[in-house]
Each structure stands twice: as C-alpha cells, then as structure tokens.
C-alpha cells in the first residue's frame, strides 16, 4: 500500500469522528455508530471543534484513491474536560486509529513517527489510555511509552485499560 502522511486540518473533523469510532473500539459494543461517538461526551471531547490552538495530528492518505485511512492526533484535555488518559494539565493525550483493513502495514508507525517529531517541539510528554488487550500496546512500547503505575481501571465494557506516557 502506498500512502502519504499530511498534517490534519480543521476540514478533517468528519474523518476524525470515524477514527474516534475506531479508536474507542465501538464496533465491539454492538450496533453502535459514529453518531454514538459524537453523542458520547466522554468520547466527543477528543474531536469536537477540531482545529483549536493546541490541536495537532496527522492523517494517512491512501495514494491510489486519495482516501484517508488513519490518523493520529493530540489534544490537551484539561480542567473539567479531562480525558481517559489524563496525567496533568501540560500533557496532551494521543488518539490514533486506522481502518481495520489497513492495519499492520506500517501506517501507525509512520503516523506516530510524524506526530512525535512534531510534538517534542511543544511538549515534554504525551499520554494515552488503551485497553490492555490492544495490539497497539507493543507499538507504543516500541516508541518508548511506559505504562503508568496504578493507572489500571475497568473501562466502559468491563475490561482493563491503563494509561501510558512518553517523555521527550
């Protein structure tokens, strides 16, 4: 697969909703749709009004069709708007997803490579929340993310999630 990586822009918000659906594993919860992600305030905070001052990220575009297939993005979720991976007010949270048919082809690695190179110019750390069973945990560890001690929690589907953090 030939694909290119470009920065996310405000007009990518509709695609980010699709990626949020994938990142939150909503398909595993039954007949949920992208609209369910939009309607869930705990999830919507990761995408709603994309393009704010501190928002940043990248999208992978399949060159043969010019269609987006994955994205990795950062958002600083603070105060009353904390996300699942909240660590502190200075650390943005990562969200990343790739359509299932495009996974395990190096796209996530490329997205993270671009994102981390850019993020280290603005932040000292990045956090994320992930299910313990997520195959991407190995990818995160390869890049240097570490599981935060005592961060394990029961997620909305009753399995274990934990927070991870990378320091630059």
Protein backbone atom coordinates (compact mmCIF):
# COMPACT_ATOMS: atom_id res chain seq x y z
CA UNK A 1 0.00 0.00 0.00
CA UNK A 2 1.31 3.39 -0.94
CA UNK A 3 0.15 6.15 1.32
CA UNK A 4 1.21 9.64 2.28
CA UNK A 5 1.13 11.44 5.61
CA UNK A 6 0.00 15.03 5.96
CA UNK A 7 -0.95 17.29 8.89
CA UNK A 8 -4.57 17.26 10.00
CA UNK A 9 -6.59 20.37 9.22
CA UNK A 10 -9.91 21.68 10.51
CA UNK A 11 -11.72 20.22 7.49
CA UNK A 12 -10.61 16.72 8.59
CA UNK A 13 -13.02 16.74 11.56
CA UNK A 14 -15.61 14.47 9.86
CA UNK A 15 -12.88 11.89 9.23
CA UNK A 16 -11.64 12.21 12.82
CA UNK A 17 -15.10 11.19 14.04
CA UNK A 18 -14.71 7.97 12.05
CA UNK A 19 -11.27 7.46 13.55
CA UNK A 20 -12.62 8.11 17.05
CA UNK A 21 -15.18 5.36 16.47
CA UNK A 22 -12.30 3.01 15.60
CA UNK A 23 -10.03 4.20 18.42
CA UNK A 24 -12.79 3.69 21.01
CA UNK A 25 -13.47 0.16 19.72
CA UNK A 26 -17.18 0.97 19.43
CA UNK A 27 -17.66 -1.85 16.93
CA UNK A 28 -17.05 -4.26 19.83
CA UNK A 29 -20.01 -2.82 21.72
CA UNK A 30 -22.73 -3.93 19.34
CA UNK A 31 -24.74 -1.82 16.92
CA UNK A 32 -23.04 1.47 17.71
CA UNK A 33 -22.25 4.02 15.01
CA UNK A 34 -20.05 7.06 14.53
CA UNK A 35 -23.06 9.08 15.70
CA UNK A 36 -22.83 7.28 19.06
CA UNK A 37 -19.25 8.58 19.41
CA UNK A 38 -20.45 12.09 18.58
CA UNK A 39 -23.22 11.79 21.19
CA UNK A 40 -20.93 10.45 23.94
CA UNK A 41 -19.45 13.46 25.78
CA UNK A 42 -16.56 11.39 27.18
CA UNK A 43 -15.52 10.49 23.63
CA UNK A 44 -16.61 13.63 21.77
CA UNK A 45 -14.11 15.80 23.67
CA UNK A 46 -11.34 14.18 21.62
CA UNK A 47 -12.66 15.56 18.31
CA UNK A 48 -15.38 18.18 18.76
CA UNK A 49 -14.44 21.54 17.22
CA UNK A 50 -11.20 20.14 15.82
CA UNK A 51 -8.61 22.77 14.94
CA UNK A 52 -8.23 24.53 18.28
CA UNK A 53 -4.97 26.28 19.13
CA UNK A 54 -3.29 23.24 20.73
CA UNK A 55 -4.73 20.56 18.40
CA UNK A 56 -2.25 18.73 16.20
CA UNK A 57 -2.01 15.50 14.31
CA UNK A 58 -1.52 13.67 11.05
CA UNK A 59 -3.63 11.73 8.60
CA UNK A 60 -2.58 8.84 6.36
CA UNK A 61 -3.93 9.05 2.81
CA UNK A 62 -4.10 6.03 0.50
CA UNK A 63 -2.50 7.38 -2.68
CA UNK A 64 -4.36 5.11 -5.12
CA UNK A 65 -7.75 6.50 -4.05
CA UNK A 66 -6.76 9.71 -2.22
CA UNK A 67 -8.86 8.45 0.71
CA UNK A 68 -7.85 8.86 4.35
CA UNK A 69 -7.26 5.55 6.12
CA UNK A 70 -5.85 6.51 9.52
CA UNK A 71 -5.00 9.37 11.84
CA UNK A 72 -3.03 10.16 14.98
CA UNK A 73 -3.82 13.31 16.89
CA UNK A 74 -3.14 15.17 20.12
CA UNK A 75 -5.47 17.24 22.19
CA UNK A 76 -4.84 18.95 25.51
CA UNK A 77 -7.80 17.94 27.71
CA UNK A 78 -7.72 19.87 30.97
CA UNK A 79 -9.81 21.16 33.83
CA UNK A 80 -13.34 19.78 33.76
CA UNK A 81 -12.66 18.35 30.31
CA UNK A 82 -10.14 15.65 31.30
CA UNK A 83 -9.86 12.61 29.06
CA UNK A 84 -9.30 8.93 29.77
CA UNK A 85 -5.52 9.34 29.55
CA UNK A 86 -5.29 12.49 31.67
CA UNK A 87 -2.00 12.86 33.54
CA UNK A 88 -1.70 16.61 34.10
CA UNK A 89 -2.63 19.99 32.63
CA UNK A 90 0.52 20.19 30.44
CA UNK A 91 0.35 16.76 28.80
CA UNK A 92 -1.80 16.23 25.71
CA UNK A 93 -3.49 12.92 25.03
CA UNK A 94 -2.89 10.83 21.95
CA UNK A 95 -5.68 9.27 19.93
CA UNK A 96 -4.82 7.05 16.99
CA UNK A 97 -6.78 4.77 14.70
CA UNK A 98 -6.52 3.08 11.34
CA UNK A 99 -9.33 1.43 9.43
CA UNK A 100 -9.17 -2.35 10.10
CA UNK A 101 -8.34 -3.32 6.51
CA UNK A 102 -5.26 -1.05 6.59
CA UNK A 103 -3.80 -2.15 9.94
CA UNK A 104 -0.48 -3.99 10.31
CA UNK A 105 1.01 -2.27 7.26
CA UNK A 106 3.24 0.29 9.00
CA UNK A 107 0.77 3.17 8.85
CA UNK A 108 0.57 3.53 12.64
CA UNK A 109 4.36 3.60 12.84
CA UNK A 110 4.52 6.35 10.23
CA UNK A 111 1.77 8.37 11.88
CA UNK A 112 3.48 8.14 15.28
CA UNK A 113 6.87 9.00 13.80
CA UNK A 114 5.49 12.21 12.33
CA UNK A 115 3.43 13.07 15.40
CA UNK A 116 6.25 12.56 17.90
CA UNK A 117 8.75 14.54 15.84
CA UNK A 118 6.35 17.49 15.86
CA UNK A 119 5.10 17.06 19.44
CA UNK A 120 8.54 17.10 21.05
CA UNK A 121 8.94 20.71 19.94
CA UNK A 122 5.88 21.72 22.02
CA UNK A 123 5.50 19.21 24.86
CA UNK A 124 7.63 17.38 27.41
CA UNK A 125 5.35 14.32 27.43
CA UNK A 126 2.31 12.73 25.79
CA UNK A 127 -0.16 10.38 27.44
CA UNK A 128 -2.74 7.91 26.20
CA UNK A 129 -5.28 5.45 27.51
CA UNK A 130 -5.53 1.99 25.99
CA UNK A 131 -7.16 -1.34 26.59
CA UNK A 132 -4.73 -3.92 27.92
CA UNK A 133 -5.72 -6.19 25.03
CA UNK A 134 -5.00 -3.59 22.32
CA UNK A 135 -2.39 -4.98 19.89
CA UNK A 136 -1.02 -1.43 19.55
CA UNK A 137 0.41 -1.61 23.10
CA UNK A 138 3.51 -3.21 21.56
CA UNK A 139 3.80 -0.33 19.08
CA UNK A 140 3.53 2.22 21.87
CA UNK A 141 6.22 0.44 23.90
CA UNK A 142 8.50 0.29 20.86
CA UNK A 143 8.32 4.08 20.66
CA UNK A 144 9.08 4.46 24.37
CA UNK A 145 5.70 4.77 26.04
CA UNK A 146 5.58 3.26 29.51
CA UNK A 147 2.58 2.04 31.47
CA UNK A 148 1.89 4.36 34.40
CA UNK A 149 1.88 2.57 37.74
CA UNK A 150 -1.53 2.21 39.38
CA UNK A 151 -3.33 3.52 36.29
CA UNK A 152 -5.30 0.35 35.59
CA UNK A 153 -9.05 0.85 35.51
CA UNK A 154 -12.16 -1.01 34.43
CA UNK A 155 -13.32 0.59 31.17
CA UNK A 156 -16.85 1.05 29.89
CA UNK A 157 -17.02 -2.50 28.52
CA UNK A 158 -15.75 -4.12 31.71
CA UNK A 159 -12.19 -4.93 30.62
CA UNK A 160 -8.91 -3.43 31.81
CA UNK A 161 -7.48 -0.19 30.45
CA UNK A 162 -4.41 1.68 31.60
CA UNK A 163 -2.57 4.91 30.92
CA UNK A 164 0.76 5.18 29.17
CA UNK A 165 3.14 8.12 28.89
CA UNK A 166 6.16 9.01 26.80
CA UNK A 167 8.66 11.65 27.90
CA UNK A 168 10.90 13.53 25.49
